[in-house]
Protein backbone atom coordinates (compact mmCIF):
# COMPACT_ATOMS: atom_id res chain seq x y z
CA MET A 1 146.77 -144.39 -126.04
CA ALA A 2 148.13 -140.84 -125.74
CA THR A 3 150.20 -139.36 -123.11
CA ARG A 4 148.70 -136.28 -121.94
CA VAL A 5 151.23 -133.36 -120.53
CA PHE A 6 149.75 -130.42 -118.72
CA LEU A 7 152.68 -127.88 -119.27
CA VAL A 8 152.47 -125.08 -117.07
CA ARG A 9 154.33 -122.01 -116.62
CA HIS A 10 155.13 -120.65 -113.02
CA GLY A 11 152.90 -118.07 -111.55
CA ALA A 12 153.67 -114.47 -111.44
CA THR A 13 156.76 -113.48 -109.58
CA ILE A 14 158.05 -110.19 -107.71
CA LEU A 15 160.06 -109.40 -110.99
CA SER A 16 157.13 -110.27 -113.45
CA ALA A 17 156.00 -106.68 -114.25
CA GLU A 18 159.33 -105.29 -114.38
CA ASP A 19 160.51 -106.34 -118.01
CA ARG A 20 163.67 -107.83 -116.62
CA PHE A 21 165.87 -110.58 -117.61
CA ALA A 22 165.56 -112.80 -114.64
CA GLY A 23 166.00 -116.32 -116.05
CA GLU A 24 168.60 -118.17 -113.81
CA THR A 25 167.61 -115.52 -110.93
CA ASP A 26 166.05 -117.49 -108.08
CA VAL A 27 163.16 -115.27 -107.28
CA ASP A 28 159.90 -116.26 -105.54
CA LEU A 29 156.28 -115.91 -106.46
CA SER A 30 154.31 -113.06 -105.59
CA ASP A 31 150.99 -113.24 -103.87
CA MET A 32 149.30 -112.86 -107.25
CA GLY A 33 151.37 -115.46 -108.46
CA ARG A 34 150.18 -118.04 -105.62
CA ALA A 35 146.62 -116.68 -106.19
CA GLN A 36 146.71 -117.76 -110.08
CA LEU A 37 148.01 -121.22 -108.89
CA ARG A 38 145.52 -121.77 -106.51
CA LYS A 39 143.01 -121.03 -109.16
CA LEU A 40 144.65 -123.53 -111.56
CA ALA A 41 145.15 -126.04 -109.20
CA ASP A 42 141.10 -125.97 -108.48
CA ARG A 43 140.67 -126.11 -112.16
CA LEU A 44 142.89 -129.18 -112.56
CA SER A 45 141.76 -131.11 -109.02
CA GLY A 46 139.53 -133.68 -111.09
CA GLU A 47 142.30 -134.79 -113.72
CA PRO A 48 143.86 -137.86 -113.27
CA ILE A 49 147.49 -136.85 -112.80
CA CYS A 50 149.68 -139.15 -111.76
CA ALA A 51 153.04 -137.36 -111.42
CA VAL A 52 154.16 -133.59 -110.76
CA TYR A 53 157.59 -132.29 -112.06
CA ALA A 54 159.22 -129.00 -111.81
CA SER A 55 162.39 -127.25 -112.76
CA PRO A 56 164.78 -126.46 -109.60
CA MET A 57 164.11 -122.81 -109.20
CA ARG A 58 161.90 -121.67 -106.10
CA ARG A 59 159.19 -120.01 -108.19
CA THR A 60 158.58 -123.61 -110.31
CA GLN A 61 158.75 -125.44 -107.07
CA GLU A 62 156.43 -123.52 -105.14
CA SER A 63 154.03 -123.66 -108.21
CA ALA A 64 154.09 -127.54 -108.53
CA HIS A 65 153.62 -127.96 -104.98
CA ILE A 66 150.47 -125.97 -104.94
CA LEU A 67 149.31 -127.66 -108.25
CA ALA A 68 150.23 -131.15 -106.63
CA ALA A 69 148.45 -130.55 -103.31
CA PRO A 70 145.01 -131.43 -104.43
CA HIS A 71 146.28 -134.89 -105.73
CA GLY A 72 148.37 -135.86 -102.67
CA LEU A 73 151.54 -135.83 -104.80
CA SER A 74 155.00 -134.90 -104.19
CA VAL A 75 157.10 -133.02 -106.64
CA ALA A 76 160.16 -134.27 -108.41
CA THR A 77 163.02 -132.22 -109.67
CA VAL A 78 163.95 -132.22 -113.36
CA PRO A 79 167.02 -129.78 -113.85
CA GLY A 80 166.53 -129.89 -117.74
CA LEU A 81 163.45 -127.81 -117.42
CA ARG A 82 164.93 -124.94 -115.70
CA GLU A 83 165.17 -121.45 -117.41
CA ILE A 84 167.19 -120.09 -119.96
CA SER A 85 170.22 -118.18 -118.47
CA HIS A 86 171.09 -114.69 -119.82
CA GLY A 87 174.45 -114.41 -118.19
CA ARG A 88 175.49 -110.95 -117.48
CA TRP A 89 172.12 -109.54 -118.22
CA GLU A 90 170.42 -111.08 -115.67
CA THR A 91 168.36 -108.73 -113.46
CA ARG A 92 168.78 -105.77 -116.09
CA THR A 93 166.19 -104.33 -118.00
CA ARG A 94 166.17 -104.63 -121.91
CA ARG A 95 166.71 -100.78 -122.06
CA GLU A 96 170.05 -101.10 -119.94
CA VAL A 97 171.27 -104.43 -121.78
CA GLU A 98 170.91 -102.30 -125.17
CA ALA A 99 172.83 -99.49 -123.84
CA LEU A 100 175.66 -101.38 -122.05
CA TRP A 101 176.03 -103.89 -124.89
CA PRO A 102 174.39 -102.82 -128.18
CA GLU A 103 176.40 -104.83 -130.40
CA GLU A 104 175.63 -108.11 -128.31
CA TYR A 105 172.11 -107.28 -127.71
CA ALA A 106 171.55 -106.87 -131.83
CA ARG A 107 172.84 -110.19 -132.36
CA TRP A 108 170.75 -111.83 -129.80
CA ASP A 109 167.83 -109.77 -130.62
CA ALA A 110 168.32 -110.96 -134.53
CA ASP A 111 168.72 -114.55 -133.53
CA PRO A 112 168.28 -115.65 -129.91
CA TYR A 113 168.27 -119.33 -131.11
CA THR A 114 171.90 -119.70 -131.93
CA PHE A 115 173.27 -116.69 -129.94
CA ALA A 116 173.73 -116.28 -126.28
CA PRO A 117 174.88 -113.29 -124.10
CA LYS A 118 178.29 -113.60 -122.58
CA GLY A 119 177.67 -116.27 -119.79
CA GLY A 120 174.41 -117.19 -120.88
CA GLU A 121 172.54 -120.14 -123.00
CA SER A 122 171.39 -119.86 -126.34
CA GLY A 123 167.74 -121.18 -127.13
CA LEU A 124 169.55 -124.27 -128.82
CA ALA A 125 171.34 -125.06 -125.49
CA VAL A 126 168.18 -124.87 -123.66
CA THR A 127 166.29 -127.00 -126.29
CA ALA A 128 169.16 -129.57 -126.04
CA ARG A 129 168.47 -130.23 -122.36
CA ALA A 130 164.89 -129.49 -122.00
CA PHE A 131 163.66 -131.58 -125.10
CA PRO A 132 165.15 -134.97 -123.80
CA ALA A 133 164.11 -134.16 -120.30
CA LEU A 134 160.62 -134.05 -121.45
CA ALA A 135 160.91 -136.93 -123.97
CA ASP A 136 162.13 -139.06 -120.85
CA LEU A 137 159.23 -138.13 -118.86
CA VAL A 138 156.54 -138.98 -121.64
CA GLN A 139 158.34 -142.47 -122.13
CA ALA A 140 158.33 -142.94 -118.42
CA HIS A 141 154.19 -142.34 -118.04
CA SER A 142 153.12 -143.81 -121.36
CA GLY A 143 149.52 -143.64 -121.65
CA ARG A 144 148.93 -141.52 -118.53
CA THR A 145 148.68 -137.78 -117.70
CA PHE A 146 151.48 -136.10 -115.90
CA LEU A 147 152.07 -132.35 -115.04
CA ALA A 148 155.28 -130.44 -115.54
CA VAL A 149 155.85 -126.81 -114.12
CA SER A 150 158.53 -124.78 -116.23
CA HIS A 151 159.54 -121.31 -117.50
CA LYS A 152 158.45 -118.88 -120.16
CA ALA A 153 161.33 -119.35 -122.67
CA THR A 154 161.84 -123.10 -122.02
CA ILE A 155 158.38 -123.74 -122.66
CA ARG A 156 158.29 -121.75 -125.86
CA LEU A 157 161.44 -123.32 -127.18
CA LEU A 158 160.04 -126.88 -126.22
CA LEU A 159 156.95 -126.17 -128.29
CA SER A 160 158.76 -124.71 -131.09
CA ALA A 161 160.97 -128.06 -131.31
CA LEU A 162 157.83 -130.04 -131.16
CA LEU A 163 155.59 -128.46 -133.48
CA GLY A 164 158.04 -127.34 -135.91
CA PHE A 165 158.20 -123.55 -135.53
CA ASP A 166 161.17 -121.49 -136.63
CA PRO A 167 163.05 -121.27 -133.20
CA ARG A 168 164.51 -118.00 -134.06
CA PHE A 169 161.38 -116.06 -133.79
CA TYR A 170 159.94 -117.85 -130.53
CA ARG A 171 160.36 -114.95 -128.46
CA ASP A 172 158.37 -112.71 -130.85
CA ARG A 173 155.67 -115.39 -131.85
CA LEU A 174 154.69 -117.40 -128.98
CA ASP A 175 153.79 -116.25 -125.51
CA GLN A 176 153.38 -117.66 -121.93
CA SER A 177 151.53 -115.86 -119.34
CA PRO A 178 152.12 -116.54 -115.69
CA ALA A 179 150.29 -119.90 -114.38
CA CYS A 180 149.21 -120.31 -118.01
CA LEU A 181 147.88 -123.91 -118.97
CA ASN A 182 149.43 -125.85 -122.12
CA VAL A 183 148.10 -129.23 -122.96
CA LEU A 184 150.17 -131.66 -125.12
CA ASP A 185 148.93 -135.00 -126.17
CA PHE A 186 151.86 -137.23 -127.30
CA LYS A 187 151.65 -140.18 -129.67
CA ASP A 188 155.35 -141.03 -128.75
CA PRO A 189 158.04 -139.36 -127.07
CA SER A 190 158.98 -137.11 -130.29
CA HIS A 191 155.41 -136.83 -131.72
CA ALA A 192 152.90 -134.37 -130.11
CA ARG A 193 149.79 -132.32 -130.82
CA LEU A 194 149.21 -128.94 -129.00
CA THR A 195 145.66 -129.36 -127.68
CA LEU A 196 145.72 -126.09 -125.60
CA PHE A 197 147.99 -123.18 -125.56
CA ASN A 198 148.67 -120.25 -123.11
CA ASP A 199 145.16 -120.86 -121.49
CA VAL A 200 144.36 -118.62 -118.38
CA SER A 201 140.73 -119.16 -118.40
CA HIS A 202 140.99 -119.78 -114.72
CA TYR A 203 142.15 -116.25 -114.32
CA ASP A 204 139.20 -113.98 -113.30
CA ARG A 205 139.54 -111.81 -116.37
CA GLY A 206 139.54 -115.00 -118.39
CA ALA A 207 142.20 -114.44 -121.04
CA PRO A 208 145.54 -113.39 -121.43
CA GLU A 209 146.73 -109.56 -121.54
CA PRO A 210 147.15 -108.10 -125.24
CA PRO A 211 150.87 -108.36 -125.93
CA ALA A 212 152.77 -105.29 -124.27
CA ALA A 213 156.46 -105.47 -123.04
CA HIS A 214 157.77 -108.86 -123.87
CA LEU A 215 161.52 -108.07 -123.68
CA SER A 216 161.07 -107.75 -127.57
CA SER A 217 162.27 -105.02 -129.74
CA TRP A 218 159.91 -106.43 -132.52
CA TRP A 219 156.90 -105.72 -130.38
CA ASP A 220 158.22 -102.26 -129.14
CA ALA A 221 158.99 -101.19 -132.50
CA PRO A 222 156.76 -98.25 -133.67
CA LYS A 223 154.31 -98.81 -136.33
CA PRO A 224 155.65 -98.02 -140.01
């Protein structure tokens, strides 16, 4: 019997709309983020969720508590699911980073999987802690359904690892909207099928916004 994982990104925060690097910066949910999560909680209220987990950040903890409430469940903290650290880039916009550290940014932009800004983490480092953490949860809940709340980069890196995507391009080719739902069905802790991706049908508008500012020069580059 498959193990089902509802893998959720936290809701919108006070920095979500500002195009800033805010990985290890511990920000709160915005009112919009809380509203998004209440809608998702209602959507999942009838699912047989046996446990709820979250990264240690305030935005994921609050998100998880909103989602756990209809099931009468507590939230367990999983440090490995925390967001990527951008080191000295934290809280700065991409334009600021490009101006202050152009060579460092260029190297990271070309390969964010193996290169990290000063004081930060590479995508590889995030995968090395997040993948075993998720695998342990899958093993612990074999044949059941659980929910885990994590972050945009961490979820994209996990999906890249599980589905065999080239992780060097995780930022350009995979998106995660605030309070989105991903569904993974695991045959065993290292073999999964992606059943649902970046779904926000619980939003009023019913679909993710088209790609815009994603902290990626690939998206912002002018058309040839």
